[in-house]
All heavy atoms as atom14 arrays in JSON, in Angstrom:
{
  "sequence": "QELRDLNKPIICAVNGICCGGGVEIALSADLIVAAEHATFALPEIRS",
  "atom14_mask": [
    [1, 1, 1, 1, 1, 1, 1, 1, 1, 0, 0, 0, 0, 0],
    [1, 1, 1, 1, 1, 1, 1, 1, 1, 0, 0, 0, 0, 0],
    [1, 1, 1, 1, 1, 1, 1, 1, 0, 0, 0, 0, 0, 0],
    [1, 1, 1, 1, 1, 1, 1, 1, 1, 1, 1, 0, 0, 0],
    [1, 1, 1, 1, 1, 1, 1, 1, 0, 0, 0, 0, 0, 0],
    [1, 1, 1, 1, 1, 1, 1, 1, 0, 0, 0, 0, 0, 0],
    [1, 1, 1, 1, 1, 1, 1, 1, 0, 0, 0, 0, 0, 0],
    [1, 1, 1, 1, 1, 1, 1, 1, 1, 0, 0, 0, 0, 0],
    [1, 1, 1, 1, 1, 1, 1, 0, 0, 0, 0, 0, 0, 0],
    [1, 1, 1, 1, 1, 1, 1, 1, 0, 0, 0, 0, 0, 0],
    [1, 1, 1, 1, 1, 1, 1, 1, 0, 0, 0, 0, 0, 0],
    [1, 1, 1, 1, 1, 1, 0, 0, 0, 0, 0, 0, 0, 0],
    [1, 1, 1, 1, 1, 0, 0, 0, 0, 0, 0, 0, 0, 0],
    [1, 1, 1, 1, 1, 1, 1, 0, 0, 0, 0, 0, 0, 0],
    [1, 1, 1, 1, 1, 1, 1, 1, 0, 0, 0, 0, 0, 0],
    [1, 1, 1, 1, 0, 0, 0, 0, 0, 0, 0, 0, 0, 0],
    [1, 1, 1, 1, 1, 1, 1, 1, 0, 0, 0, 0, 0, 0],
    [1, 1, 1, 1, 1, 1, 0, 0, 0, 0, 0, 0, 0, 0],
    [1, 1, 1, 1, 1, 1, 0, 0, 0, 0, 0, 0, 0, 0],
    [1, 1, 1, 1, 0, 0, 0, 0, 0, 0, 0, 0, 0, 0],
    [1, 1, 1, 1, 0, 0, 0, 0, 0, 0, 0, 0, 0, 0],
    [1, 1, 1, 1, 0, 0, 0, 0, 0, 0, 0, 0, 0, 0],
    [1, 1, 1, 1, 1, 1, 1, 0, 0, 0, 0, 0, 0, 0],
    [1, 1, 1, 1, 1, 1, 1, 1, 1, 0, 0, 0, 0, 0],
    [1, 1, 1, 1, 1, 1, 1, 1, 0, 0, 0, 0, 0, 0],
    [1, 1, 1, 1, 1, 0, 0, 0, 0, 0, 0, 0, 0, 0],
    [1, 1, 1, 1, 1, 1, 1, 1, 0, 0, 0, 0, 0, 0],
    [1, 1, 1, 1, 1, 1, 0, 0, 0, 0, 0, 0, 0, 0],
    [1, 1, 1, 1, 1, 0, 0, 0, 0, 0, 0, 0, 0, 0],
    [1, 1, 1, 1, 1, 1, 1, 1, 0, 0, 0, 0, 0, 0],
    [1, 1, 1, 1, 1, 1, 1, 1, 0, 0, 0, 0, 0, 0],
    [1, 1, 1, 1, 1, 1, 1, 1, 0, 0, 0, 0, 0, 0],
    [1, 1, 1, 1, 1, 1, 1, 0, 0, 0, 0, 0, 0, 0],
    [1, 1, 1, 1, 1, 0, 0, 0, 0, 0, 0, 0, 0, 0],
    [1, 1, 1, 1, 1, 0, 0, 0, 0, 0, 0, 0, 0, 0],
    [1, 1, 1, 1, 1, 1, 1, 1, 1, 0, 0, 0, 0, 0],
    [1, 1, 1, 1, 1, 1, 1, 1, 1, 1, 0, 0, 0, 0],
    [1, 1, 1, 1, 1, 0, 0, 0, 0, 0, 0, 0, 0, 0],
    [1, 1, 1, 1, 1, 1, 1, 0, 0, 0, 0, 0, 0, 0],
    [1, 1, 1, 1, 1, 1, 1, 1, 1, 1, 1, 0, 0, 0],
    [1, 1, 1, 1, 1, 0, 0, 0, 0, 0, 0, 0, 0, 0],
    [1, 1, 1, 1, 1, 1, 1, 1, 0, 0, 0, 0, 0, 0],
    [1, 1, 1, 1, 1, 1, 1, 0, 0, 0, 0, 0, 0, 0],
    [1, 1, 1, 1, 1, 1, 1, 1, 1, 0, 0, 0, 0, 0],
    [1, 1, 1, 1, 1, 1, 1, 1, 0, 0, 0, 0, 0, 0],
    [1, 1, 1, 1, 1, 1, 1, 1, 1, 1, 1, 0, 0, 0],
    [1, 1, 1, 1, 1, 1, 0, 0, 0, 0, 0, 0, 0, 0]
  ],
  "atom14_positions": [
    [[92.86, 109.18, 92.61], [92.99, 110.63, 92.68], [92.64, 111.35, 91.37], [92.3, 112.53, 91.39], [94.38, 111.03, 93.15], [95.53, 110.56, 92.32], [96.87, 110.85, 93.01], [96.94, 111.2, 94.19], [97.95, 110.71, 92.28], [0.0, 0.0, 0.0], [0.0, 0.0, 0.0], [0.0, 0.0, 0.0], [0.0, 0.0, 0.0], [0.0, 0.0, 0.0]],
    [[92.65, 110.64, 90.25], [92.25, 111.26, 88.99], [91.04, 110.56, 88.36], [90.71, 110.82, 87.2], [93.42, 111.25, 88.01], [94.61, 112.08, 88.46], [95.76, 112.01, 87.48], [95.57, 112.44, 86.33], [96.83, 111.51, 87.86], [0.0, 0.0, 0.0], [0.0, 0.0, 0.0], [0.0, 0.0, 0.0], [0.0, 0.0, 0.0], [0.0, 0.0, 0.0]],
    [[90.37, 109.72, 89.11], [89.21, 109.0, 88.6], [88.0, 109.92, 88.6], [87.55, 110.38, 89.65], [88.94, 107.76, 89.44], [87.83, 106.83, 88.94], [88.16, 106.28, 87.54], [87.63, 105.67, 89.92], [0.0, 0.0, 0.0], [0.0, 0.0, 0.0], [0.0, 0.0, 0.0], [0.0, 0.0, 0.0], [0.0, 0.0, 0.0], [0.0, 0.0, 0.0]],
    [[87.46, 110.18, 87.42], [86.34, 111.12, 87.29], [85.07, 110.57, 87.94], [84.79, 109.38, 87.89], [86.07, 111.43, 85.82], [87.2, 112.19, 85.13], [86.89, 112.39, 83.66], [85.65, 113.15, 83.46], [85.59, 114.48, 83.46], [86.69, 115.19, 83.66], [84.44, 115.09, 83.29], [0.0, 0.0, 0.0], [0.0, 0.0, 0.0], [0.0, 0.0, 0.0]],
    [[84.3, 111.49, 88.51], [82.96, 111.18, 89.03], [82.95, 110.08, 90.08], [82.02, 109.28, 90.15], [82.02, 110.8, 87.88], [81.9, 111.91, 86.85], [81.89, 113.09, 87.24], [81.8, 111.6, 85.64], [0.0, 0.0, 0.0], [0.0, 0.0, 0.0], [0.0, 0.0, 0.0], [0.0, 0.0, 0.0], [0.0, 0.0, 0.0], [0.0, 0.0, 0.0]],
    [[83.98, 110.04, 90.9], [84.01, 109.07, 92.0], [83.21, 109.66, 93.15], [83.75, 110.26, 94.08], [85.46, 108.78, 92.41], [85.68, 107.7, 93.48], [84.98, 106.4, 93.1], [87.16, 107.45, 93.69], [0.0, 0.0, 0.0], [0.0, 0.0, 0.0], [0.0, 0.0, 0.0], [0.0, 0.0, 0.0], [0.0, 0.0, 0.0], [0.0, 0.0, 0.0]],
    [[81.9, 109.48, 93.08], [80.98, 110.21, 93.95], [80.44, 109.36, 95.11], [79.31, 109.55, 95.55], [79.81, 110.76, 93.12], [80.25, 111.87, 92.19], [81.17, 112.62, 92.5], [79.62, 111.97, 91.04], [0.0, 0.0, 0.0], [0.0, 0.0, 0.0], [0.0, 0.0, 0.0], [0.0, 0.0, 0.0], [0.0, 0.0, 0.0], [0.0, 0.0, 0.0]],
    [[81.27, 108.44, 95.58], [80.9, 107.62, 96.73], [81.95, 107.82, 97.82], [83.11, 108.06, 97.53], [80.85, 106.14, 96.33], [79.79, 105.83, 95.28], [79.84, 104.36, 94.88], [78.8, 104.05, 93.81], [78.83, 102.62, 93.41], [0.0, 0.0, 0.0], [0.0, 0.0, 0.0], [0.0, 0.0, 0.0], [0.0, 0.0, 0.0], [0.0, 0.0, 0.0]],
    [[81.54, 107.71, 99.09], [82.49, 107.92, 100.19], [83.59, 106.85, 100.21], [83.32, 105.67, 99.98], [81.62, 107.82, 101.45], [80.22, 108.01, 100.97], [80.17, 107.48, 99.58], [0.0, 0.0, 0.0], [0.0, 0.0, 0.0], [0.0, 0.0, 0.0], [0.0, 0.0, 0.0], [0.0, 0.0, 0.0], [0.0, 0.0, 0.0], [0.0, 0.0, 0.0]],
    [[84.8, 107.3, 100.51], [85.95, 106.4, 100.65], [86.61, 106.64, 101.99], [86.91, 107.79, 102.35], [86.96, 106.6, 99.51], [86.31, 106.27, 98.16], [88.2, 105.74, 99.72], [87.17, 106.56, 96.98], [0.0, 0.0, 0.0], [0.0, 0.0, 0.0], [0.0, 0.0, 0.0], [0.0, 0.0, 0.0], [0.0, 0.0, 0.0], [0.0, 0.0, 0.0]],
    [[86.84, 105.57, 102.72], [87.5, 105.62, 104.03], [88.89, 105.03, 103.88], [89.05, 103.94, 103.33], [86.7, 104.8, 105.07], [85.28, 105.34, 105.2], [87.42, 104.81, 106.42], [84.32, 104.35, 105.85], [0.0, 0.0, 0.0], [0.0, 0.0, 0.0], [0.0, 0.0, 0.0], [0.0, 0.0, 0.0], [0.0, 0.0, 0.0], [0.0, 0.0, 0.0]],
    [[89.89, 105.74, 104.36], [91.25, 105.23, 104.36], [91.63, 104.83, 105.78], [91.52, 105.65, 106.7], [92.22, 106.29, 103.83], [93.93, 105.72, 103.72], [0.0, 0.0, 0.0], [0.0, 0.0, 0.0], [0.0, 0.0, 0.0], [0.0, 0.0, 0.0], [0.0, 0.0, 0.0], [0.0, 0.0, 0.0], [0.0, 0.0, 0.0], [0.0, 0.0, 0.0]],
    [[92.04, 103.59, 105.95], [92.47, 103.09, 107.26], [93.98, 102.93, 107.23], [94.5, 102.0, 106.6], [91.78, 101.76, 107.57], [0.0, 0.0, 0.0], [0.0, 0.0, 0.0], [0.0, 0.0, 0.0], [0.0, 0.0, 0.0], [0.0, 0.0, 0.0], [0.0, 0.0, 0.0], [0.0, 0.0, 0.0], [0.0, 0.0, 0.0], [0.0, 0.0, 0.0]],
    [[94.69, 103.83, 107.9], [96.15, 103.86, 107.85], [96.7, 103.02, 109.0], [96.56, 103.39, 110.16], [96.68, 105.31, 107.93], [98.2, 105.32, 107.89], [96.11, 106.14, 106.78], [0.0, 0.0, 0.0], [0.0, 0.0, 0.0], [0.0, 0.0, 0.0], [0.0, 0.0, 0.0], [0.0, 0.0, 0.0], [0.0, 0.0, 0.0], [0.0, 0.0, 0.0]],
    [[97.35, 101.92, 108.64], [97.74, 100.92, 109.63], [99.23, 100.93, 109.95], [99.74, 99.99, 110.53], [97.36, 99.53, 109.11], [97.87, 99.29, 107.7], [97.57, 100.07, 106.8], [98.62, 98.23, 107.48], [0.0, 0.0, 0.0], [0.0, 0.0, 0.0], [0.0, 0.0, 0.0], [0.0, 0.0, 0.0], [0.0, 0.0, 0.0], [0.0, 0.0, 0.0]],
    [[99.94, 102.02, 109.6], [101.37, 102.07, 109.89], [102.02, 103.21, 109.14], [101.48, 104.31, 109.07], [0.0, 0.0, 0.0], [0.0, 0.0, 0.0], [0.0, 0.0, 0.0], [0.0, 0.0, 0.0], [0.0, 0.0, 0.0], [0.0, 0.0, 0.0], [0.0, 0.0, 0.0], [0.0, 0.0, 0.0], [0.0, 0.0, 0.0], [0.0, 0.0, 0.0]],
    [[103.17, 102.94, 108.53], [103.9, 103.97, 107.8], [103.14, 104.36, 106.54], [102.76, 103.5, 105.74], [105.31, 103.46, 107.45], [106.14, 103.25, 108.72], [106.02, 104.43, 106.51], [107.45, 102.52, 108.5], [0.0, 0.0, 0.0], [0.0, 0.0, 0.0], [0.0, 0.0, 0.0], [0.0, 0.0, 0.0], [0.0, 0.0, 0.0], [0.0, 0.0, 0.0]],
    [[102.94, 105.64, 106.38], [102.22, 106.19, 105.23], [103.08, 107.32, 104.69], [103.17, 108.39, 105.29], [100.85, 106.7, 105.67], [99.86, 107.47, 104.37], [0.0, 0.0, 0.0], [0.0, 0.0, 0.0], [0.0, 0.0, 0.0], [0.0, 0.0, 0.0], [0.0, 0.0, 0.0], [0.0, 0.0, 0.0], [0.0, 0.0, 0.0], [0.0, 0.0, 0.0]],
    [[103.76, 107.07, 103.57], [104.69, 108.08, 103.08], [104.62, 108.2, 101.57], [104.14, 107.29, 100.88], [106.11, 107.81, 103.55], [106.85, 106.28, 102.97], [0.0, 0.0, 0.0], [0.0, 0.0, 0.0], [0.0, 0.0, 0.0], [0.0, 0.0, 0.0], [0.0, 0.0, 0.0], [0.0, 0.0, 0.0], [0.0, 0.0, 0.0], [0.0, 0.0, 0.0]],
    [[105.08, 109.33, 101.06], [105.12, 109.55, 99.63], [103.76, 109.36, 99.0], [102.75, 109.96, 99.4], [0.0, 0.0, 0.0], [0.0, 0.0, 0.0], [0.0, 0.0, 0.0], [0.0, 0.0, 0.0], [0.0, 0.0, 0.0], [0.0, 0.0, 0.0], [0.0, 0.0, 0.0], [0.0, 0.0, 0.0], [0.0, 0.0, 0.0], [0.0, 0.0, 0.0]],
    [[103.7, 108.48, 98.0], [102.44, 108.19, 97.34], [101.39, 107.61, 98.25], [100.19, 107.69, 97.96], [0.0, 0.0, 0.0], [0.0, 0.0, 0.0], [0.0, 0.0, 0.0], [0.0, 0.0, 0.0], [0.0, 0.0, 0.0], [0.0, 0.0, 0.0], [0.0, 0.0, 0.0], [0.0, 0.0, 0.0], [0.0, 0.0, 0.0], [0.0, 0.0, 0.0]],
    [[101.8, 107.02, 99.38], [100.82, 106.54, 100.36], [100.03, 107.69, 100.94], [98.81, 107.58, 101.15], [0.0, 0.0, 0.0], [0.0, 0.0, 0.0], [0.0, 0.0, 0.0], [0.0, 0.0, 0.0], [0.0, 0.0, 0.0], [0.0, 0.0, 0.0], [0.0, 0.0, 0.0], [0.0, 0.0, 0.0], [0.0, 0.0, 0.0], [0.0, 0.0, 0.0]],
    [[100.71, 108.81, 101.19], [100.02, 110.01, 101.65], [99.06, 110.5, 100.58], [97.93, 110.92, 100.88], [101.03, 111.11, 102.03], [100.33, 112.45, 102.25], [101.82, 110.72, 103.27], [0.0, 0.0, 0.0], [0.0, 0.0, 0.0], [0.0, 0.0, 0.0], [0.0, 0.0, 0.0], [0.0, 0.0, 0.0], [0.0, 0.0, 0.0], [0.0, 0.0, 0.0]],
    [[99.49, 110.44, 99.32], [98.62, 110.9, 98.23], [97.37, 110.02, 98.09], [96.29, 110.52, 97.78], [99.42, 110.94, 96.93], [100.52, 112.0, 96.98], [101.38, 112.06, 95.74], [101.46, 111.05, 95.01], [101.96, 113.13, 95.5], [0.0, 0.0, 0.0], [0.0, 0.0, 0.0], [0.0, 0.0, 0.0], [0.0, 0.0, 0.0], [0.0, 0.0, 0.0]],
    [[97.5, 108.73, 98.33], [96.33, 107.86, 98.33], [95.39, 108.25, 99.46], [94.17, 108.36, 99.28], [96.75, 106.38, 98.44], [97.45, 105.94, 97.16], [95.54, 105.49, 98.73], [98.09, 104.57, 97.25], [0.0, 0.0, 0.0], [0.0, 0.0, 0.0], [0.0, 0.0, 0.0], [0.0, 0.0, 0.0], [0.0, 0.0, 0.0], [0.0, 0.0, 0.0]],
    [[95.96, 108.46, 100.66], [95.13, 108.87, 101.79], [94.4, 110.19, 101.51], [93.23, 110.36, 101.86], [95.98, 108.99, 103.05], [0.0, 0.0, 0.0], [0.0, 0.0, 0.0], [0.0, 0.0, 0.0], [0.0, 0.0, 0.0], [0.0, 0.0, 0.0], [0.0, 0.0, 0.0], [0.0, 0.0, 0.0], [0.0, 0.0, 0.0], [0.0, 0.0, 0.0]],
    [[95.09, 111.12, 100.84], [94.48, 112.4, 100.5], [93.33, 112.24, 99.51], [92.49, 113.14, 99.39], [95.53, 113.34, 99.92], [96.53, 113.96, 100.91], [97.67, 114.63, 100.16], [95.84, 114.96, 101.82], [0.0, 0.0, 0.0], [0.0, 0.0, 0.0], [0.0, 0.0, 0.0], [0.0, 0.0, 0.0], [0.0, 0.0, 0.0], [0.0, 0.0, 0.0]],
    [[93.29, 111.14, 98.79], [92.21, 110.89, 97.84], [90.95, 110.37, 98.52], [89.9, 110.32, 97.88], [92.67, 109.87, 96.78], [93.78, 110.35, 96.06], [0.0, 0.0, 0.0], [0.0, 0.0, 0.0], [0.0, 0.0, 0.0], [0.0, 0.0, 0.0], [0.0, 0.0, 0.0], [0.0, 0.0, 0.0], [0.0, 0.0, 0.0], [0.0, 0.0, 0.0]],
    [[91.07, 109.96, 99.78], [89.92, 109.47, 100.53], [89.15, 110.64, 101.15], [89.63, 111.77, 101.2], [90.37, 108.48, 101.6], [0.0, 0.0, 0.0], [0.0, 0.0, 0.0], [0.0, 0.0, 0.0], [0.0, 0.0, 0.0], [0.0, 0.0, 0.0], [0.0, 0.0, 0.0], [0.0, 0.0, 0.0], [0.0, 0.0, 0.0], [0.0, 0.0, 0.0]],
    [[87.96, 110.33, 101.63], [87.12, 111.36, 102.26], [87.27, 111.39, 103.78], [87.11, 112.44, 104.4], [85.65, 111.1, 101.9], [85.43, 111.11, 100.4], [85.64, 112.17, 99.79], [85.08, 110.05, 99.85], [0.0, 0.0, 0.0], [0.0, 0.0, 0.0], [0.0, 0.0, 0.0], [0.0, 0.0, 0.0], [0.0, 0.0, 0.0], [0.0, 0.0, 0.0]],
    [[87.57, 110.25, 104.36], [87.79, 110.14, 105.8], [89.03, 109.3, 106.03], [89.28, 108.33, 105.3], [86.59, 109.48, 106.49], [85.23, 110.19, 106.37], [84.12, 109.3, 106.91], [85.26, 111.51, 107.1], [0.0, 0.0, 0.0], [0.0, 0.0, 0.0], [0.0, 0.0, 0.0], [0.0, 0.0, 0.0], [0.0, 0.0, 0.0], [0.0, 0.0, 0.0]],
    [[89.83, 109.67, 107.04], [91.04, 108.93, 107.36], [91.01, 108.55, 108.84], [90.93, 109.42, 109.71], [92.31, 109.75, 107.08], [92.36, 110.19, 105.61], [93.56, 108.95, 107.43], [93.5, 111.14, 105.3], [0.0, 0.0, 0.0], [0.0, 0.0, 0.0], [0.0, 0.0, 0.0], [0.0, 0.0, 0.0], [0.0, 0.0, 0.0], [0.0, 0.0, 0.0]],
    [[91.03, 107.26, 109.1], [91.24, 106.77, 110.46], [92.6, 106.11, 110.5], [93.04, 105.5, 109.52], [90.13, 105.78, 110.9], [88.81, 106.5, 111.06], [89.99, 104.63, 109.93], [0.0, 0.0, 0.0], [0.0, 0.0, 0.0], [0.0, 0.0, 0.0], [0.0, 0.0, 0.0], [0.0, 0.0, 0.0], [0.0, 0.0, 0.0], [0.0, 0.0, 0.0]],
    [[93.31, 106.26, 111.61], [94.69, 105.79, 111.66], [94.98, 105.08, 112.97], [94.46, 105.47, 114.03], [95.66, 106.95, 111.47], [0.0, 0.0, 0.0], [0.0, 0.0, 0.0], [0.0, 0.0, 0.0], [0.0, 0.0, 0.0], [0.0, 0.0, 0.0], [0.0, 0.0, 0.0], [0.0, 0.0, 0.0], [0.0, 0.0, 0.0], [0.0, 0.0, 0.0]],
    [[95.81, 104.06, 112.88], [96.26, 103.36, 114.08], [97.2, 104.26, 114.87], [97.85, 105.15, 114.32], [96.97, 102.06, 113.69], [0.0, 0.0, 0.0], [0.0, 0.0, 0.0], [0.0, 0.0, 0.0], [0.0, 0.0, 0.0], [0.0, 0.0, 0.0], [0.0, 0.0, 0.0], [0.0, 0.0, 0.0], [0.0, 0.0, 0.0], [0.0, 0.0, 0.0]],
    [[97.3, 104.0, 116.15], [98.06, 104.86, 117.05], [99.56, 104.86, 116.75], [100.29, 105.74, 117.22], [97.8, 104.47, 118.51], [98.1, 103.03, 118.82], [97.52, 102.58, 120.15], [96.94, 103.43, 120.86], [97.63, 101.38, 120.47], [0.0, 0.0, 0.0], [0.0, 0.0, 0.0], [0.0, 0.0, 0.0], [0.0, 0.0, 0.0], [0.0, 0.0, 0.0]],
    [[100.03, 103.89, 115.96], [101.46, 103.86, 115.59], [101.69, 104.39, 114.17], [102.82, 104.33, 113.68], [102.01, 102.44, 115.7], [101.42, 101.46, 114.72], [100.13, 101.01, 114.83], [101.93, 100.87, 113.61], [99.87, 100.18, 113.83], [100.95, 100.08, 113.08], [0.0, 0.0, 0.0], [0.0, 0.0, 0.0], [0.0, 0.0, 0.0], [0.0, 0.0, 0.0]],
    [[100.68, 104.92, 113.52], [100.83, 105.41, 112.15], [101.74, 106.64, 112.11], [101.77, 107.45, 113.04], [99.47, 105.75, 111.56], [0.0, 0.0, 0.0], [0.0, 0.0, 0.0], [0.0, 0.0, 0.0], [0.0, 0.0, 0.0], [0.0, 0.0, 0.0], [0.0, 0.0, 0.0], [0.0, 0.0, 0.0], [0.0, 0.0, 0.0], [0.0, 0.0, 0.0]],
    [[102.48, 106.77, 111.02], [103.34, 107.94, 110.8], [103.19, 108.38, 109.35], [102.84, 107.59, 108.47], [104.82, 107.64, 111.09], [105.23, 106.5, 110.32], [105.04, 107.35, 112.57], [0.0, 0.0, 0.0], [0.0, 0.0, 0.0], [0.0, 0.0, 0.0], [0.0, 0.0, 0.0], [0.0, 0.0, 0.0], [0.0, 0.0, 0.0], [0.0, 0.0, 0.0]],
    [[103.49, 109.67, 109.1], [103.25, 110.25, 107.78], [104.44, 111.11, 107.36], [105.0, 111.85, 108.16], [101.99, 111.14, 107.83], [100.76, 110.42, 108.3], [100.49, 110.29, 109.66], [99.88, 109.87, 107.39], [99.35, 109.61, 110.1], [98.74, 109.19, 107.82], [98.48, 109.07, 109.17], [0.0, 0.0, 0.0], [0.0, 0.0, 0.0], [0.0, 0.0, 0.0]],
    [[104.79, 111.03, 106.07], [105.87, 111.87, 105.55], [105.8, 111.94, 104.03], [105.22, 111.07, 103.37], [107.24, 111.32, 105.97], [0.0, 0.0, 0.0], [0.0, 0.0, 0.0], [0.0, 0.0, 0.0], [0.0, 0.0, 0.0], [0.0, 0.0, 0.0], [0.0, 0.0, 0.0], [0.0, 0.0, 0.0], [0.0, 0.0, 0.0], [0.0, 0.0, 0.0]],
    [[106.43, 113.0, 103.51], [106.61, 113.16, 102.07], [108.11, 113.29, 101.82], [108.65, 114.38, 101.72], [105.86, 114.41, 101.58], [104.33, 114.31, 101.68], [103.7, 115.67, 101.52], [103.79, 113.33, 100.64], [0.0, 0.0, 0.0], [0.0, 0.0, 0.0], [0.0, 0.0, 0.0], [0.0, 0.0, 0.0], [0.0, 0.0, 0.0], [0.0, 0.0, 0.0]],
    [[108.8, 112.16, 101.72], [110.27, 112.17, 101.63], [110.81, 112.37, 100.21], [112.02, 112.26, 100.0], [110.64, 110.79, 102.16], [109.49, 109.92, 101.76], [108.27, 110.8, 101.84], [0.0, 0.0, 0.0], [0.0, 0.0, 0.0], [0.0, 0.0, 0.0], [0.0, 0.0, 0.0], [0.0, 0.0, 0.0], [0.0, 0.0, 0.0], [0.0, 0.0, 0.0]],
    [[109.96, 112.68, 99.25], [110.41, 112.81, 97.86], [111.56, 113.81, 97.72], [112.45, 113.63, 96.87], [109.25, 113.24, 96.96], [108.29, 112.12, 96.6], [107.2, 111.89, 97.63], [107.33, 112.4, 98.78], [106.23, 111.19, 97.31], [0.0, 0.0, 0.0], [0.0, 0.0, 0.0], [0.0, 0.0, 0.0], [0.0, 0.0, 0.0], [0.0, 0.0, 0.0]],
    [[111.54, 114.86, 98.54], [112.57, 115.89, 98.45], [113.96, 115.28, 98.6], [114.93, 115.75, 98.0], [112.33, 116.99, 99.52], [113.26, 118.18, 99.3], [112.48, 116.45, 100.92], [112.91, 119.03, 98.13], [0.0, 0.0, 0.0], [0.0, 0.0, 0.0], [0.0, 0.0, 0.0], [0.0, 0.0, 0.0], [0.0, 0.0, 0.0], [0.0, 0.0, 0.0]],
    [[114.06, 114.22, 99.38], [115.37, 113.61, 99.65], [115.87, 112.74, 98.5], [117.05, 112.39, 98.46], [115.29, 112.79, 100.94], [114.97, 113.64, 102.16], [114.73, 112.82, 103.4], [114.3, 113.65, 104.52], [113.84, 113.17, 105.67], [113.76, 111.87, 105.85], [113.46, 114.0, 106.63], [0.0, 0.0, 0.0], [0.0, 0.0, 0.0], [0.0, 0.0, 0.0]],
    [[114.96, 112.38, 97.6], [115.39, 111.58, 96.43], [115.33, 112.4, 95.15], [115.36, 111.85, 94.05], [114.51, 110.33, 96.3], [113.14, 110.68, 96.19], [0.0, 0.0, 0.0], [0.0, 0.0, 0.0], [0.0, 0.0, 0.0], [0.0, 0.0, 0.0], [0.0, 0.0, 0.0], [0.0, 0.0, 0.0], [0.0, 0.0, 0.0], [0.0, 0.0, 0.0]]
  ]
}
């Protein structure tokens, strides 16, 4: 997410629970494909 000049396509394949920093990694990709059981959350507020 902070790597300069990363000018190549990145695909994120989300294979299950994607939360917190996992969501931030997915947001760093250009395309996101996800399995039908994948879930997403930003639970930082609770900690």
